[in-house]
Amino acid sequence: MNTGTGKNACPTCRRAGLLRVRHNTKVLAGSLLITGASQLLTLRGRGPRRGNSLSNLGIIQDGALLVRDGVIAAVGTRAQVEALPEVSGAVKLELGGRVAMPGFVDSHTHLIHAASRAEEFELKIEGASYEEIARKGGGILNSVKKLRAATSETLKKRAAEALRKFAAYGTTTVEAKSGYGLDVASELKILRLHQELAAEQPLEIVSTFLGAHVVPAEFRKKADGAEKYIALLTEKLMPKVAGQGLAEFCDVFCDRGAFTRAQSKRILEAGRKLGMASRLHAEQLSRQRAAITSSR
């Protein structure tokens, strides 16, 4: 959360010395008073918590907060917040002694997938490396094969159940990557399901295009297969994704066995030209100074 400022700031709150924090999800109309929390976790602070500070959650006992036009305008004890004149006319949500806390943000998921790869954890426990598992038919390409064979209805049902579990454990925002399709039809299928699910349930889904996860099997058999696949991504698939508004971000797996730094840079630059912000996951299997590529 960031400190709230601007036209939505509450002058009375400033005088009372109450904490104001900005809410960065969809705008809520009008005013909402959330009150009666036995504990209100603010996680107040200027930066990430480290060491002993991890135990300091900025807890307010018997807490309340006031939301005005999508901005958390005031946070404090119940007595402090309910005494504010701005509370008049607000819709009241009584928590009845429950704990109020920020929602969890899951920043890396493959929400749309056809099957679990839990059996690979056993192989890892036994000492198998990521690349050894892939050579045995597991890993990303195994997920690709299964997803391509699955119907949209089956994939959507599986994802909807996963979202219900996310919500039950306190997650409110999910970053969802594609990357288990690796052809035009399957990647678009994944991203369209992100869009459908985002409209049909309350969790926020941030959609990321990860067509550059690995080079798919059918291109590995071709001369210059990686380059031909990159051309498919940048010239055909990514314009479709951007044109239909299916992804906010473009991601690349920059690592040994996936894409090089130079290839990753070309893909990310193509994504930026199409209006997609850049993401990169790297340094998992080798040191390629890929973070420098991402920062530039």
Protein backbone atom coordinates (compact mmCIF):
# COMPACT_ATOMS: atom_id res chain seq x y z
CA MET A 1 0.00 0.00 0.00
CA ASN A 2 1.11 3.53 -0.71
CA THR A 3 0.38 6.62 1.35
CA GLY A 4 -2.82 8.28 0.12
CA THR A 5 -2.68 11.84 -1.16
CA GLY A 6 -4.59 14.19 -3.43
CA LYS A 7 -8.24 15.20 -3.67
CA ASN A 8 -9.47 12.10 -1.83
CA ALA A 9 -7.38 12.82 1.23
CA CYS A 10 -9.37 13.58 4.35
CA PRO A 11 -8.31 16.86 6.08
CA THR A 12 -9.84 15.80 9.37
CA CYS A 13 -7.78 12.61 9.21
CA ARG A 14 -4.59 14.62 8.85
CA ARG A 15 -5.45 16.71 11.89
CA ALA A 16 -6.23 13.58 13.89
CA GLY A 17 -2.89 12.05 12.92
CA LEU A 18 -4.53 8.98 11.44
CA LEU A 19 -2.86 6.80 8.83
CA ARG A 20 -4.15 7.12 5.27
CA VAL A 21 -3.27 4.52 2.64
CA ARG A 22 -4.15 4.33 -1.03
CA HIS A 23 -6.13 1.39 -2.40
CA ASN A 24 -4.87 0.31 -5.82
CA THR A 25 -7.68 -1.90 -7.06
CA LYS A 26 -10.97 -1.05 -8.73
CA VAL A 27 -12.61 2.15 -7.56
CA LEU A 28 -15.45 1.81 -5.08
CA ALA A 29 -18.25 4.30 -5.37
CA GLY A 30 -19.19 6.47 -2.39
CA SER A 31 -18.00 5.91 1.18
CA LEU A 32 -17.58 2.71 3.13
CA LEU A 33 -16.88 2.41 6.85
CA ILE A 34 -15.27 -0.89 7.84
CA THR A 35 -15.34 -1.16 11.59
CA GLY A 36 -15.35 -3.57 14.53
CA ALA A 37 -12.05 -5.31 13.70
CA SER A 38 -10.47 -6.95 16.73
CA GLN A 39 -7.16 -6.34 14.96
CA LEU A 40 -6.50 -4.20 11.91
CA LEU A 41 -3.20 -5.01 10.18
CA THR A 42 -1.86 -1.88 8.47
CA LEU A 43 1.68 -3.08 7.61
CA ARG A 44 2.59 0.59 7.87
CA GLY A 45 6.10 1.54 6.81
CA ARG A 46 8.31 3.02 4.12
CA GLY A 47 9.78 -0.15 2.67
CA PRO A 48 10.04 -3.96 2.85
CA ARG A 49 10.33 -5.54 6.27
CA ARG A 50 13.52 -7.40 7.13
CA GLY A 51 14.85 -9.20 10.18
CA ASN A 52 13.12 -8.36 13.45
CA SER A 53 10.79 -5.90 11.72
CA LEU A 54 8.97 -8.84 10.10
CA SER A 55 7.12 -9.30 13.38
CA ASN A 56 5.81 -5.72 13.35
CA LEU A 57 2.53 -5.79 11.42
CA GLY A 58 1.36 -2.32 12.37
CA ILE A 59 -1.60 -3.74 14.28
CA ILE A 60 -4.36 -1.45 15.53
CA GLN A 61 -6.53 -3.02 18.22
CA ASP A 62 -10.29 -2.47 17.82
CA GLY A 63 -9.59 -0.91 14.43
CA ALA A 64 -11.62 0.71 11.68
CA LEU A 65 -11.06 2.30 8.29
CA LEU A 66 -12.93 4.66 6.04
CA VAL A 67 -12.91 4.24 2.26
CA ARG A 68 -13.92 7.16 0.04
CA ASP A 69 -14.19 6.79 -3.74
CA GLY A 70 -11.79 3.86 -3.85
CA VAL A 71 -9.20 5.40 -1.53
CA ILE A 72 -8.62 4.34 2.08
CA ALA A 73 -9.06 7.79 3.59
CA ALA A 74 -8.59 6.99 7.27
CA VAL A 75 -7.27 4.19 9.46
CA GLY A 76 -7.28 4.17 13.25
CA THR A 77 -9.09 2.87 16.27
CA ARG A 78 -12.84 2.47 16.05
CA ALA A 79 -13.39 5.47 18.29
CA GLN A 80 -11.08 7.68 16.21
CA VAL A 81 -12.51 6.81 12.82
CA GLU A 82 -16.18 6.76 13.80
CA ALA A 83 -15.79 10.24 15.32
CA LEU A 84 -14.87 11.75 11.95
CA PRO A 85 -17.56 13.90 10.26
CA GLU A 86 -16.72 12.22 6.95
CA VAL A 87 -18.23 8.98 8.29
CA SER A 88 -21.72 10.46 8.04
CA GLY A 89 -23.60 8.79 5.22
CA ALA A 90 -21.05 6.02 4.70
CA VAL A 91 -22.20 2.44 4.22
CA LYS A 92 -21.19 0.54 7.35
CA LEU A 93 -19.60 -2.91 7.33
CA GLU A 94 -19.44 -4.35 10.85
CA LEU A 95 -16.73 -7.02 11.19
CA GLY A 96 -17.88 -8.33 14.55
CA GLY A 97 -14.40 -8.84 16.00
CA ARG A 98 -12.79 -10.37 12.93
CA VAL A 99 -9.23 -9.56 11.83
CA ALA A 100 -8.92 -7.15 8.89
CA MET A 101 -5.79 -7.35 6.77
CA PRO A 102 -4.55 -6.57 3.24
CA GLY A 103 -5.16 -9.32 0.73
CA PHE A 104 -2.31 -11.50 -0.47
CA VAL A 105 -0.96 -10.89 -3.98
CA ASP A 106 0.26 -14.02 -5.78
CA SER A 107 2.75 -12.61 -8.28
CA HIS A 108 3.49 -15.74 -10.34
CA THR A 109 0.87 -18.32 -11.26
CA HIS A 110 -0.16 -20.41 -14.23
CA LEU A 111 -3.85 -20.24 -13.44
CA ILE A 112 -4.84 -22.04 -16.64
CA HIS A 113 -3.27 -25.49 -16.66
CA ALA A 114 -4.55 -28.95 -17.47
CA ALA A 115 -2.92 -31.09 -14.79
CA SER A 116 -0.75 -30.98 -11.69
CA ARG A 117 2.97 -31.73 -11.89
CA ALA A 118 3.15 -32.72 -8.23
CA GLU A 119 4.99 -35.93 -9.12
CA GLU A 120 7.95 -33.81 -10.20
CA PHE A 121 8.43 -32.65 -6.62
CA GLU A 122 9.22 -36.24 -5.69
CA LEU A 123 11.85 -36.34 -8.41
CA LYS A 124 13.36 -33.11 -7.11
CA ILE A 125 13.45 -34.50 -3.58
CA GLU A 126 15.33 -37.49 -4.98
CA GLY A 127 17.90 -35.13 -6.47
CA ALA A 128 16.76 -34.74 -10.08
CA SER A 129 17.46 -31.33 -11.60
CA TYR A 130 14.97 -29.17 -13.49
CA GLU A 131 16.64 -30.10 -16.78
CA GLU A 132 16.78 -33.82 -15.97
CA ILE A 133 13.05 -33.82 -15.32
CA ALA A 134 12.47 -32.09 -18.66
CA ARG A 135 14.57 -34.68 -20.49
CA LYS A 136 12.42 -37.41 -18.96
CA GLY A 137 9.31 -35.85 -20.48
CA GLY A 138 8.29 -33.63 -17.59
CA GLY A 139 8.48 -29.90 -17.12
CA ILE A 140 7.01 -27.16 -19.29
CA LEU A 141 6.58 -29.19 -22.47
CA ASN A 142 4.65 -31.84 -20.56
CA SER A 143 2.22 -29.15 -19.39
CA VAL A 144 2.00 -27.80 -22.95
CA LYS A 145 1.06 -31.19 -24.36
CA LYS A 146 -1.72 -31.63 -21.79
CA LEU A 147 -3.11 -28.12 -22.13
CA ARG A 148 -3.32 -28.28 -25.91
CA ALA A 149 -5.43 -31.43 -25.60
CA ALA A 150 -7.79 -29.95 -22.99
CA THR A 151 -11.02 -28.13 -23.78
CA SER A 152 -11.65 -24.55 -22.71
CA GLU A 153 -14.53 -25.77 -20.54
CA THR A 154 -12.31 -28.22 -18.64
CA LEU A 155 -9.56 -25.64 -18.15
CA LYS A 156 -12.00 -22.99 -16.97
CA LYS A 157 -13.62 -25.30 -14.44
CA ARG A 158 -10.22 -26.24 -13.00
CA ALA A 159 -9.15 -22.60 -12.80
CA ALA A 160 -12.42 -21.50 -11.16
CA GLU A 161 -11.90 -24.05 -8.41
CA ALA A 162 -8.35 -22.81 -7.90
CA LEU A 163 -9.61 -19.23 -7.59
CA ARG A 164 -12.06 -20.30 -4.88
CA LYS A 165 -9.14 -21.79 -2.95
CA PHE A 166 -7.06 -18.64 -3.47
CA ALA A 167 -9.90 -16.58 -2.00
CA ALA A 168 -10.38 -18.93 0.95
CA TYR A 169 -6.75 -18.40 1.96
CA GLY A 170 -6.86 -14.61 1.63
CA THR A 171 -5.50 -13.99 -1.86
CA THR A 172 -7.20 -11.08 -3.62
CA THR A 173 -4.94 -10.55 -6.66
CA VAL A 174 -3.47 -13.21 -8.94
CA GLU A 175 -0.92 -12.62 -11.68
CA ALA A 176 -1.76 -15.28 -14.28
CA LYS A 177 0.72 -16.23 -17.00
CA SER A 178 0.07 -18.03 -20.23
CA GLY A 179 3.01 -20.10 -21.50
CA TYR A 180 1.52 -23.59 -21.48
CA GLY A 181 0.09 -23.23 -24.98
CA LEU A 182 3.04 -22.13 -27.13
CA ASP A 183 1.00 -21.93 -30.31
CA VAL A 184 -1.36 -19.24 -31.51
CA ALA A 185 -4.64 -21.00 -30.72
CA SER A 186 -3.63 -22.34 -27.32
CA GLU A 187 -2.02 -19.13 -26.04
CA LEU A 188 -5.10 -17.14 -27.06
CA LYS A 189 -7.28 -19.77 -25.39
CA ILE A 190 -5.44 -19.26 -22.10
CA LEU A 191 -5.55 -15.48 -22.21
CA ARG A 192 -9.25 -15.38 -23.13
CA LEU A 193 -9.99 -17.60 -20.16
CA HIS A 194 -8.12 -15.13 -17.94
CA GLN A 195 -10.42 -12.42 -19.27
CA GLU A 196 -13.59 -14.47 -18.77
CA LEU A 197 -12.68 -15.50 -15.23
CA ALA A 198 -11.74 -11.94 -14.27
CA ALA A 199 -15.27 -10.83 -15.22
CA GLU A 200 -17.07 -13.68 -13.46
CA GLN A 201 -15.59 -13.70 -9.95
CA PRO A 202 -14.25 -11.12 -7.46
CA LEU A 203 -10.50 -11.81 -7.46
CA GLU A 204 -8.37 -9.49 -9.57
CA ILE A 205 -6.54 -11.35 -12.35
CA VAL A 206 -3.54 -9.61 -13.90
CA SER A 207 -2.91 -11.30 -17.24
CA THR A 208 0.63 -11.86 -18.53
CA PHE A 209 1.59 -13.17 -21.97
CA LEU A 210 4.37 -15.77 -21.67
CA GLY A 211 4.49 -17.18 -25.17
CA ALA A 212 8.28 -17.06 -24.80
CA HIS A 213 8.34 -19.70 -22.08
CA VAL A 214 10.40 -22.21 -24.06
CA VAL A 215 10.67 -23.12 -27.73
CA PRO A 216 7.90 -25.68 -28.40
CA ALA A 217 8.73 -29.19 -29.55
CA GLU A 218 7.59 -28.72 -33.15
CA PHE A 219 10.02 -25.81 -33.65
CA ARG A 220 12.97 -27.60 -32.05
CA LYS A 221 13.04 -29.96 -35.00
CA LYS A 222 13.46 -27.12 -37.51
CA ALA A 223 16.59 -25.35 -38.66
CA ASP A 224 16.71 -21.99 -36.85
CA GLY A 225 13.63 -23.16 -34.95
CA ALA A 226 14.03 -20.67 -32.11
CA GLU A 227 14.24 -17.75 -34.53
CA LYS A 228 11.20 -18.97 -36.45
CA TYR A 229 9.25 -19.31 -33.22
CA ILE A 230 10.25 -15.79 -32.13
CA ALA A 231 9.03 -14.51 -35.50
CA LEU A 232 5.69 -16.25 -34.90
CA LEU A 233 5.45 -14.57 -31.50
CA THR A 234 6.41 -11.05 -32.52
CA GLU A 235 4.78 -10.90 -35.95
CA LYS A 236 1.59 -12.90 -35.48
CA LEU A 237 0.69 -13.84 -31.93
CA MET A 238 1.66 -10.76 -29.94
CA PRO A 239 -0.21 -8.33 -32.22
CA LYS A 240 -3.34 -10.46 -31.69
CA VAL A 241 -2.85 -10.44 -27.92
CA ALA A 242 -2.36 -6.68 -27.82
CA GLY A 243 -5.14 -5.96 -30.30
CA GLN A 244 -7.66 -7.89 -28.22
CA GLY A 245 -6.43 -6.42 -24.91
CA LEU A 246 -5.69 -9.86 -23.49
CA ALA A 247 -2.50 -9.13 -21.52
CA GLU A 248 -1.06 -6.29 -19.51
CA PHE A 249 2.46 -7.72 -19.43
CA CYS A 250 4.83 -9.59 -21.74
CA ASP A 251 7.13 -12.07 -19.99
CA VAL A 252 10.11 -14.11 -21.19
CA PHE A 253 11.96 -17.05 -19.64
CA CYS A 254 15.58 -16.01 -20.14
CA ASP A 255 17.77 -18.92 -19.11
CA ARG A 256 19.70 -21.93 -20.31
CA GLY A 257 17.46 -24.07 -22.49
CA ALA A 258 14.93 -21.27 -23.00
CA PHE A 259 15.77 -17.87 -24.52
CA THR A 260 19.03 -15.93 -24.63
CA ARG A 261 19.45 -12.38 -23.41
CA ALA A 262 19.48 -11.06 -26.98
CA GLN A 263 16.34 -13.01 -27.90
CA SER A 264 14.61 -11.92 -24.71
CA LYS A 265 15.41 -8.28 -25.39
CA ARG A 266 13.87 -8.49 -28.88
CA ILE A 267 10.68 -10.09 -27.56
CA LEU A 268 10.30 -7.61 -24.71
CA GLU A 269 10.92 -4.66 -27.03
CA ALA A 270 8.25 -5.98 -29.40
CA GLY A 271 5.87 -6.24 -26.46
CA ARG A 272 6.55 -2.68 -25.33
CA LYS A 273 5.84 -1.37 -28.84
CA LEU A 274 2.46 -3.10 -28.60
CA GLY A 275 1.71 -1.56 -25.20
CA MET A 276 2.63 -4.50 -22.95
CA ALA A 277 4.88 -3.83 -19.97
CA SER A 278 7.94 -6.05 -19.56
CA ARG A 279 8.52 -8.89 -17.14
CA LEU A 280 11.35 -11.42 -17.04
CA HIS A 281 12.03 -14.54 -15.06
CA ALA A 282 15.60 -15.66 -15.17
CA GLU A 283 18.69 -16.80 -13.26
CA GLN A 284 16.94 -20.02 -12.27
CA LEU A 285 19.33 -22.39 -14.04
CA SER A 286 22.29 -20.20 -14.94
CA ARG A 287 23.79 -16.77 -14.47
CA GLN A 288 23.22 -14.75 -17.63
CA ARG A 289 23.02 -11.23 -16.20
CA ALA A 290 19.45 -11.28 -17.43
CA ALA A 291 18.30 -8.85 -14.74
CA ILE A 292 20.29 -6.17 -16.57
CA THR A 293 18.27 -6.90 -19.71
CA SER A 294 15.06 -6.50 -17.73
CA SER A 295 16.12 -3.24 -16.07
CA ARG A 296 16.93 -1.67 -19.43
